Amino acid sequence: MTKLEKISARIDSFRDEMIDMQIKLCALPAISPASGGEGEEKKAEALIDCIKKNGFHDFQVIKAPDLDAASGYRPNILAFFKGKSQAKTIWIMTHMDIVPPGELALWKGDPFKAWVEGGKIYGRGVEDNQQDMVASLYAVKALYEENIEPNYDVGIALVADEETGSEKGIDYVLHNTDVFRKQDLIIVPDAGNEEGTMIEVAEKSILWLKFKTLGKQAHGSTPEKGINSFRAASFLVTELNNLYDIFSDKDSLFDPPISTFEPTKKEHNVPNINTIPGEDIFYMDSRILPKFTIEEVEEKIKEMTDKIENRFKVKIELEETQKAPAAPPTSADAPVVHALKDAVKAIYEKEAEAIGIGGGTVAAVFRREDFSAACWSKNDETAHQPNEYCHIDNMVADAKVFAHIFLQE
């Protein structure tokens, strides 16, 4: 048997143990204090226990101060398995924190008591991000139990605070340690698809705007006495649709290959039908190709709001609710991308490709600091949904993908 065959067989033997680990972690809900939770301390303790028992040569805990957390800090774990060469480290970074379960009535069972059904594990956090967290830990355990030395050092990063901004997670780690190097391979299983063929290397800029249109309230039977803010806002929504024509360039790296400008949330205005609203509020979600700056888009939006103000004699107030310029992309020819392509081909027998997405991932934190990071996972994208699940087969096979990369020259 080859080294990979031995490792793969060993990972297969861990299947039940990996399921048990998922159930154990699910029962330790690591919810951010910002979302009403206590933080990741209890989950971190369980993971440290796993690290100590399963062959890692060393680990450290980076504590980001947080007075709102039960422990007073947010733990970030860095675990190491030594390879033949220290010239670079192959990193798998996952996050410990999860989002709240949402409306419990929509769940088939207790979201924090994971259950197995139809080849899947159900529970909050089992896919996001425990599927590949467990996969990464057991890929290393397989190396240890088979007494196989990887070609390069392996690092497993288990971080906090991904769901609420990463300030006390990987962002804190990057600015308070020097463990990551530019030559390292950094894999972040924070995005994927059902086929396992998507390697995310780039993201669009994100701009979320709140539009408050101020007119004058009046009775519905005497519109001449008021200024209908809802009508003006409706014309503004139509005007904003012209952004698609103004910023119409395409980039085939991205899916979809265009910038998007979509009106989304609409706030309540008046409680009754026979009142002309004097205030109207709606929001727009924009995902902008990196070739355009957010400032360019905002300038055009201001021209459009000025036009509507003049036409309808309203005042329009703009508020940024999120503004995130795109991080520099990871090259589609980066070593980490080629390593993932080779591993996906070997394990899943699929041709993976590098693409950009409209959503945001924690890999952007690395990219802004000039590290090449790639996102990859094989999953059904059930994160944040009721009845979130993880395919057991995906969890086991993803561990083999990681092991394949550990053994690459």
Protein backbone atom coordinates (compact mmCIF):
# COMPACT_ATOMS: atom_id res chain seq x y z
CA MET A 1 0.00 0.00 0.00
CA THR A 2 1.11 3.55 -0.71
CA LYS A 3 1.30 6.09 2.09
CA LEU A 4 -1.93 7.70 0.91
CA GLU A 5 -3.70 4.34 0.82
CA LYS A 6 -2.59 3.62 4.36
CA ILE A 7 -3.71 7.05 5.55
CA SER A 8 -7.06 6.73 3.74
CA ALA A 9 -7.74 3.33 5.28
CA ARG A 10 -6.89 4.68 8.69
CA ILE A 11 -9.24 7.64 8.22
CA ASP A 12 -12.01 5.23 7.20
CA SER A 13 -11.46 3.40 10.50
CA PHE A 14 -12.06 6.68 12.34
CA ARG A 15 -15.56 7.15 10.89
CA ASP A 16 -17.51 6.38 14.08
CA GLU A 17 -15.04 8.30 16.21
CA MET A 18 -15.40 11.35 13.96
CA ILE A 19 -19.20 11.17 14.28
CA ASP A 20 -18.86 11.00 18.07
CA MET A 21 -16.56 14.02 18.00
CA GLN A 22 -19.12 15.97 16.01
CA ILE A 23 -21.84 15.14 18.55
CA LYS A 24 -19.55 16.13 21.43
CA LEU A 25 -18.64 19.47 19.86
CA CYS A 26 -22.24 20.24 18.93
CA ALA A 27 -23.19 19.97 22.61
CA LEU A 28 -20.73 22.81 23.39
CA PRO A 29 -22.34 25.77 21.60
CA ALA A 30 -19.59 28.32 21.04
CA ILE A 31 -21.76 31.36 20.34
CA SER A 32 -20.19 34.81 20.30
CA PRO A 33 -21.06 37.17 23.16
CA ALA A 34 -22.25 39.58 20.47
CA SER A 35 -24.90 37.00 19.60
CA GLY A 36 -25.86 36.25 23.19
CA GLY A 37 -23.40 33.41 23.89
CA GLU A 38 -20.51 32.79 26.26
CA GLY A 39 -17.76 32.37 23.67
CA GLU A 40 -15.60 29.40 22.68
CA GLU A 41 -13.83 28.44 25.94
CA LYS A 42 -15.63 25.14 26.63
CA LYS A 43 -15.34 24.00 23.04
CA ALA A 44 -11.67 24.95 23.03
CA GLU A 45 -11.07 22.80 26.12
CA ALA A 46 -12.58 19.77 24.35
CA LEU A 47 -10.46 20.40 21.26
CA ILE A 48 -7.27 20.79 23.31
CA ASP A 49 -8.02 17.45 24.92
CA CYS A 50 -8.35 15.91 21.44
CA ILE A 51 -5.08 17.50 20.34
CA LYS A 52 -3.22 16.18 23.38
CA LYS A 53 -4.42 12.62 22.75
CA ASN A 54 -3.91 12.41 19.02
CA GLY A 55 -0.25 12.87 18.22
CA PHE A 56 0.27 16.58 17.80
CA HIS A 57 3.81 17.61 18.70
CA ASP A 58 2.91 21.00 20.13
CA PHE A 59 0.11 23.54 20.50
CA GLN A 60 -0.47 27.02 21.81
CA VAL A 61 -3.53 29.06 22.78
CA ILE A 62 -3.68 32.70 21.72
CA LYS A 63 -6.13 34.53 23.99
CA ALA A 64 -7.82 37.62 22.58
CA PRO A 65 -9.17 39.75 25.44
CA ASP A 66 -12.96 40.03 25.50
CA LEU A 67 -14.67 41.17 28.70
CA ASP A 68 -18.05 40.16 27.29
CA ALA A 69 -17.00 36.49 27.10
CA ALA A 70 -17.60 34.30 30.15
CA SER A 71 -13.86 33.62 30.45
CA GLY A 72 -12.78 37.18 29.69
CA TYR A 73 -11.05 36.11 26.49
CA ARG A 74 -11.61 34.36 23.15
CA PRO A 75 -9.34 31.33 22.61
CA ASN A 76 -7.50 30.62 19.36
CA ILE A 77 -5.70 27.28 19.12
CA LEU A 78 -2.66 26.61 16.94
CA ALA A 79 -1.61 22.93 16.85
CA PHE A 80 1.48 21.58 15.09
CA PHE A 81 2.62 18.28 13.60
CA LYS A 82 6.24 18.24 12.45
CA GLY A 83 7.22 17.27 8.92
CA LYS A 84 10.44 16.37 7.16
CA SER A 85 11.04 20.00 6.24
CA GLN A 86 10.30 23.23 8.04
CA ALA A 87 10.58 25.27 4.85
CA LYS A 88 6.82 25.86 4.93
CA THR A 89 3.72 24.90 6.89
CA ILE A 90 0.52 23.49 5.46
CA TRP A 91 -2.29 25.15 7.38
CA ILE A 92 -5.93 24.12 7.72
CA MET A 93 -7.88 26.88 9.45
CA THR A 94 -11.41 26.37 10.76
CA HIS A 95 -13.47 28.32 13.28
CA MET A 96 -14.94 27.20 16.58
CA ASP A 97 -17.76 29.72 16.88
CA ILE A 98 -21.23 29.09 15.50
CA VAL A 99 -24.36 31.15 14.92
CA PRO A 100 -27.45 30.81 17.14
CA PRO A 101 -29.97 28.14 16.07
CA GLY A 102 -32.69 30.58 15.08
CA GLU A 103 -36.35 29.57 15.31
CA LEU A 104 -36.37 26.28 17.21
CA ALA A 105 -39.76 25.25 15.79
CA LEU A 106 -38.10 24.83 12.38
CA TRP A 107 -35.70 22.17 13.69
CA LYS A 108 -36.54 18.47 13.60
CA GLY A 109 -34.63 17.98 16.85
CA ASP A 110 -32.55 19.79 19.45
CA PRO A 111 -29.92 21.79 17.48
CA PHE A 112 -27.37 21.16 20.23
CA LYS A 113 -27.96 17.43 20.49
CA ALA A 114 -26.65 16.27 17.14
CA TRP A 115 -28.31 13.25 15.59
CA VAL A 116 -27.47 10.92 12.71
CA GLU A 117 -30.04 10.30 9.98
CA GLY A 118 -29.67 9.10 6.40
CA GLY A 119 -25.88 9.32 6.28
CA LYS A 120 -25.90 12.85 7.70
CA ILE A 121 -25.19 14.48 11.05
CA TYR A 122 -27.71 17.16 11.98
CA GLY A 123 -27.08 20.01 14.42
CA ARG A 124 -25.99 23.62 14.63
CA GLY A 125 -22.37 23.96 13.57
CA VAL A 126 -21.89 20.45 12.18
CA GLU A 127 -21.17 21.77 8.68
CA ASP A 128 -20.12 25.30 9.60
CA ASN A 129 -17.38 24.69 10.59
CA GLN A 130 -17.09 21.35 12.41
CA GLN A 131 -17.12 19.16 9.29
CA ASP A 132 -13.67 20.24 8.23
CA MET A 133 -12.46 20.98 11.74
CA VAL A 134 -12.95 17.31 12.61
CA ALA A 135 -11.60 16.28 9.19
CA SER A 136 -8.39 18.24 9.73
CA LEU A 137 -7.81 16.83 13.22
CA TYR A 138 -8.31 13.24 12.10
CA ALA A 139 -6.15 13.67 9.00
CA VAL A 140 -3.31 14.47 11.42
CA LYS A 141 -4.29 11.62 13.74
CA ALA A 142 -4.01 9.24 10.78
CA LEU A 143 -0.46 10.46 10.13
CA TYR A 144 0.38 9.85 13.77
CA GLU A 145 -1.12 6.36 14.01
CA GLU A 146 0.44 5.26 10.73
CA ASN A 147 3.78 6.76 11.82
CA ILE A 148 4.00 8.66 8.54
CA GLU A 149 5.95 11.89 8.42
CA PRO A 150 4.49 14.59 6.16
CA ASN A 151 6.85 16.33 3.77
CA TYR A 152 6.33 19.69 5.48
CA ASP A 153 5.11 20.90 8.86
CA VAL A 154 1.35 20.80 9.36
CA GLY A 155 -0.52 23.46 11.29
CA ILE A 156 -4.14 23.22 12.43
CA ALA A 157 -5.66 26.58 13.39
CA LEU A 158 -8.93 26.54 15.35
CA VAL A 159 -10.02 30.14 15.74
CA ALA A 160 -12.67 32.22 17.44
CA ASP A 161 -14.99 35.00 16.32
CA GLU A 162 -15.37 34.15 12.62
CA GLU A 163 -19.14 34.66 12.64
CA THR A 164 -18.93 38.21 14.02
CA GLY A 165 -15.95 39.69 12.22
CA SER A 166 -12.78 37.78 13.23
CA GLU A 167 -11.38 40.72 15.23
CA LYS A 168 -10.81 38.39 18.18
CA GLY A 169 -10.06 35.42 15.95
CA ILE A 170 -7.66 35.04 13.05
CA ASP A 171 -7.23 38.81 12.72
CA TYR A 172 -5.95 38.92 16.32
CA VAL A 173 -3.71 35.91 15.74
CA LEU A 174 -2.12 37.44 12.63
CA HIS A 175 -1.34 40.67 14.43
CA ASN A 176 -0.06 39.09 17.64
CA THR A 177 2.02 36.14 16.39
CA ASP A 178 4.47 35.44 13.59
CA VAL A 179 3.59 31.79 12.95
CA PHE A 180 2.24 32.33 9.44
CA ARG A 181 4.75 32.84 6.62
CA LYS A 182 4.28 33.97 3.04
CA GLN A 183 5.45 30.62 1.66
CA ASP A 184 2.91 28.64 3.70
CA LEU A 185 -0.08 26.88 2.14
CA ILE A 186 -3.21 28.19 3.84
CA ILE A 187 -6.48 26.33 3.35
CA VAL A 188 -9.68 27.78 4.80
CA PRO A 189 -12.69 25.40 4.50
CA ASP A 190 -15.13 28.32 4.70
CA ALA A 191 -16.70 27.98 1.26
CA GLY A 192 -17.53 25.12 -1.07
CA ASN A 193 -20.15 23.37 -3.16
CA GLU A 194 -21.88 20.00 -3.40
CA GLU A 195 -19.41 18.65 -5.98
CA GLY A 196 -16.28 19.74 -4.14
CA THR A 197 -15.09 21.50 -7.30
CA MET A 198 -15.01 25.10 -6.11
CA ILE A 199 -11.73 26.60 -4.90
CA GLU A 200 -12.54 30.15 -3.80
CA VAL A 201 -9.67 32.57 -4.45
CA ALA A 202 -11.34 36.00 -4.74
CA GLU A 203 -14.24 37.98 -3.37
CA LYS A 204 -16.16 41.03 -4.45
CA SER A 205 -16.35 44.26 -2.49
CA ILE A 206 -19.42 44.49 -0.27
CA LEU A 207 -21.49 47.64 0.16
CA TRP A 208 -24.71 47.63 2.19
CA LEU A 209 -26.60 50.93 2.20
CA LYS A 210 -29.62 52.18 4.11
CA PHE A 211 -31.79 54.69 2.23
CA LYS A 212 -34.06 56.88 4.34
CA THR A 213 -36.44 58.97 2.24
CA LEU A 214 -38.07 61.89 4.08
CA GLY A 215 -41.22 63.52 2.73
CA LYS A 216 -44.33 64.82 4.47
CA GLN A 217 -47.07 62.68 6.00
CA ALA A 218 -50.65 63.41 4.98
CA HIS A 219 -54.10 61.83 4.71
CA GLY A 220 -54.52 59.50 1.74
CA SER A 221 -57.43 61.58 0.43
CA THR A 222 -55.39 64.79 0.31
CA PRO A 223 -52.07 63.87 -1.30
CA GLU A 224 -51.48 67.50 -2.31
CA LYS A 225 -50.88 68.30 1.38
CA GLY A 226 -48.07 65.76 1.71
CA ILE A 227 -44.98 64.47 -0.01
CA ASN A 228 -45.14 60.71 -0.55
CA SER A 229 -41.83 59.29 0.61
CA PHE A 230 -42.80 55.77 -0.52
CA ARG A 231 -43.42 56.92 -4.11
CA ALA A 232 -40.08 58.75 -4.22
CA ALA A 233 -38.28 55.74 -2.75
CA SER A 234 -39.89 53.48 -5.34
CA PHE A 235 -38.60 55.65 -8.17
CA LEU A 236 -35.19 55.60 -6.47
CA VAL A 237 -35.20 51.79 -6.48
CA THR A 238 -35.84 51.88 -10.23
CA GLU A 239 -33.13 54.50 -10.72
CA LEU A 240 -30.61 52.40 -8.78
CA ASN A 241 -31.20 49.52 -11.16
CA ASN A 242 -29.21 51.55 -13.72
CA LEU A 243 -26.09 50.67 -11.73
CA TYR A 244 -26.17 47.35 -13.60
CA ASP A 245 -25.65 49.25 -16.88
CA ILE A 246 -23.08 51.70 -15.51
CA PHE A 247 -20.92 48.99 -13.93
CA SER A 248 -21.60 46.33 -16.55
CA ASP A 249 -18.13 44.83 -16.98
CA LYS A 250 -17.76 41.08 -16.51
CA ASP A 251 -15.03 38.97 -14.93
CA SER A 252 -15.18 35.26 -15.77
CA LEU A 253 -13.31 34.40 -12.56
CA PHE A 254 -16.45 35.21 -10.58
CA ASP A 255 -19.80 33.49 -10.27
CA PRO A 256 -21.90 35.44 -11.15
CA PRO A 257 -19.42 37.28 -13.39
CA ILE A 258 -20.99 40.72 -12.79
CA SER A 259 -21.41 43.29 -10.04
CA THR A 260 -24.82 43.05 -8.38
CA PHE A 261 -27.02 45.81 -6.91
CA GLU A 262 -30.13 44.46 -5.22
CA PRO A 263 -32.74 46.23 -3.07
CA THR A 264 -33.46 43.90 -0.16
CA LYS A 265 -34.88 44.80 3.25
CA LYS A 266 -37.90 47.15 3.47
CA GLU A 267 -38.87 48.70 6.80
CA HIS A 268 -42.45 49.36 7.94
CA ASN A 269 -43.62 52.88 7.16
CA VAL A 270 -47.24 53.61 8.19
CA PRO A 271 -49.67 51.33 10.04
CA ASN A 272 -52.78 52.15 8.03
CA ILE A 273 -53.77 52.28 4.38
CA ASN A 274 -55.14 55.82 4.31
CA THR A 275 -51.96 57.61 5.38
CA ILE A 276 -49.35 58.90 2.96
CA PRO A 277 -45.98 58.03 4.52
CA GLY A 278 -43.60 60.83 5.36
CA GLU A 279 -40.69 58.45 5.89
CA ASP A 280 -39.63 55.36 3.98
CA ILE A 281 -36.60 53.13 4.56
CA PHE A 282 -35.13 50.41 2.37
CA TYR A 283 -31.72 48.76 2.01
CA MET A 284 -29.53 47.68 -0.89
CA ASP A 285 -26.94 44.88 -1.01
CA SER A 286 -24.17 45.53 -3.55
CA ARG A 287 -21.42 43.06 -4.48
CA ILE A 288 -18.89 44.87 -6.63
CA LEU A 289 -16.21 43.43 -8.89
CA PRO A 290 -12.71 44.37 -7.65
CA LYS A 291 -11.99 46.38 -10.82
CA PHE A 292 -14.42 49.02 -9.52
CA THR A 293 -13.93 50.90 -6.27
CA ILE A 294 -16.68 51.28 -3.72
CA GLU A 295 -16.16 55.05 -3.95
CA GLU A 296 -16.97 54.98 -7.68
CA VAL A 297 -20.25 53.24 -6.95
CA GLU A 298 -21.13 55.57 -4.08
CA GLU A 299 -20.52 58.60 -6.30
CA LYS A 300 -23.05 57.33 -8.87
CA ILE A 301 -25.54 56.50 -6.15
CA LYS A 302 -25.26 60.06 -4.80
CA GLU A 303 -26.01 61.42 -8.28
CA MET A 304 -29.12 59.23 -8.39
CA THR A 305 -30.37 60.28 -4.95
CA ASP A 306 -29.82 63.95 -5.85
CA LYS A 307 -31.95 63.43 -8.97
CA ILE A 308 -34.81 61.89 -6.98
CA GLU A 309 -34.58 64.58 -4.28
CA ASN A 310 -34.95 67.32 -6.88
CA ARG A 311 -37.79 65.59 -8.72
CA PHE A 312 -39.93 64.71 -5.70
CA LYS A 313 -38.86 67.41 -3.22
CA VAL A 314 -37.78 64.84 -0.64
CA LYS A 315 -34.62 64.47 1.40
CA ILE A 316 -32.72 61.19 1.14
CA GLU A 317 -30.29 60.15 3.86
CA LEU A 318 -27.68 57.48 3.10
CA GLU A 319 -26.06 55.30 5.73
CA GLU A 320 -23.40 52.64 5.20
CA THR A 321 -24.30 49.53 7.19
CA GLN A 322 -21.39 47.53 5.80
CA LYS A 323 -18.46 48.54 3.64
CA ALA A 324 -15.78 45.95 2.86
CA PRO A 325 -13.40 46.59 -0.03
CA ALA A 326 -12.34 43.41 -1.81
CA ALA A 327 -9.14 41.84 -0.54
CA PRO A 328 -6.41 41.19 -3.11
CA PRO A 329 -7.21 37.84 -4.76
CA THR A 330 -5.16 34.71 -4.39
CA SER A 331 -3.65 33.80 -7.76
CA ALA A 332 -5.38 30.95 -9.56
CA ASP A 333 -1.83 29.61 -10.09
CA ALA A 334 -0.84 29.78 -6.41
CA PRO A 335 0.72 26.59 -4.95
CA VAL A 336 -2.21 26.16 -2.55
CA VAL A 337 -4.64 26.10 -5.50
CA HIS A 338 -2.62 23.47 -7.37
CA ALA A 339 -2.33 21.39 -4.19
CA LEU A 340 -6.09 21.45 -3.73
CA LYS A 341 -6.75 20.62 -7.39
CA ASP A 342 -4.45 17.59 -7.20
CA ALA A 343 -6.02 16.36 -3.97
CA VAL A 344 -9.62 16.80 -5.14
CA LYS A 345 -8.77 14.93 -8.35
CA ALA A 346 -7.19 12.07 -6.38
CA ILE A 347 -9.91 11.71 -3.71
CA TYR A 348 -13.13 12.85 -5.38
CA GLU A 349 -12.12 12.23 -9.01
CA LYS A 350 -13.33 15.72 -9.91
CA GLU A 351 -11.69 18.65 -11.68
CA ALA A 352 -11.75 21.61 -9.30
CA GLU A 353 -11.39 25.20 -10.51
CA ALA A 354 -10.47 28.51 -8.95
CA ILE A 355 -13.34 31.01 -8.83
CA GLY A 356 -14.42 34.23 -7.14
CA ILE A 357 -17.63 34.66 -5.17
CA GLY A 358 -19.93 37.47 -4.12
CA GLY A 359 -20.00 36.45 -0.48
CA GLY A 360 -17.33 37.11 2.10
CA THR A 361 -15.06 34.54 3.73
CA VAL A 362 -12.51 34.70 6.51
CA ALA A 363 -9.79 34.03 3.93
CA ALA A 364 -10.00 37.75 3.16
CA VAL A 365 -8.27 38.42 6.49
CA PHE A 366 -5.23 36.51 5.20
CA ARG A 367 -5.35 38.11 1.76
CA ARG A 368 -5.38 41.63 3.17
CA GLU A 369 -2.10 40.74 4.90
CA ASP A 370 -0.63 39.45 1.61
CA PHE A 371 -0.97 35.73 2.37
CA SER A 372 -2.19 33.37 -0.36
CA ALA A 373 -5.21 31.57 1.06
CA ALA A 374 -7.77 29.38 -0.69
CA CYS A 375 -11.20 28.27 0.49
CA TRP A 376 -12.36 24.76 -0.24
CA SER A 377 -14.82 22.21 1.14
CA LYS A 378 -17.31 19.68 -0.19
CA ASN A 379 -20.64 20.51 1.40
CA ASP A 380 -24.31 21.19 0.76
CA GLU A 381 -24.11 24.80 2.02
CA THR A 382 -26.58 24.33 4.88
CA ALA A 383 -24.70 26.75 7.15
CA HIS A 384 -26.95 29.04 9.26
CA GLN A 385 -30.07 27.14 8.15
CA PRO A 386 -32.47 25.21 10.40
CA ASN A 387 -31.59 21.50 10.33
CA GLU A 388 -28.01 22.24 9.29
CA TYR A 389 -26.30 18.98 8.38
CA CYS A 390 -23.01 17.47 7.38
CA HIS A 391 -22.65 14.49 5.05
CA ILE A 392 -20.59 11.94 6.94
CA ASP A 393 -18.99 10.80 3.67
CA ASN A 394 -17.89 14.40 2.99
CA MET A 395 -16.32 14.72 6.42
CA VAL A 396 -14.33 11.50 5.96
CA ALA A 397 -13.30 12.22 2.37
CA ASP A 398 -12.33 15.83 3.16
CA ALA A 399 -9.92 14.41 5.74
CA LYS A 400 -8.36 12.36 2.93
CA VAL A 401 -8.05 15.50 0.78
CA PHE A 402 -6.13 17.20 3.58
CA ALA A 403 -3.96 14.13 4.07
CA HIS A 404 -3.18 14.06 0.34
CA ILE A 405 -1.94 17.64 0.57
CA PHE A 406 0.16 16.79 3.65
CA LEU A 407 1.91 14.08 1.60
CA GLN A 408 2.54 16.15 -1.54
CA GLU A 409 6.13 17.01 -2.45
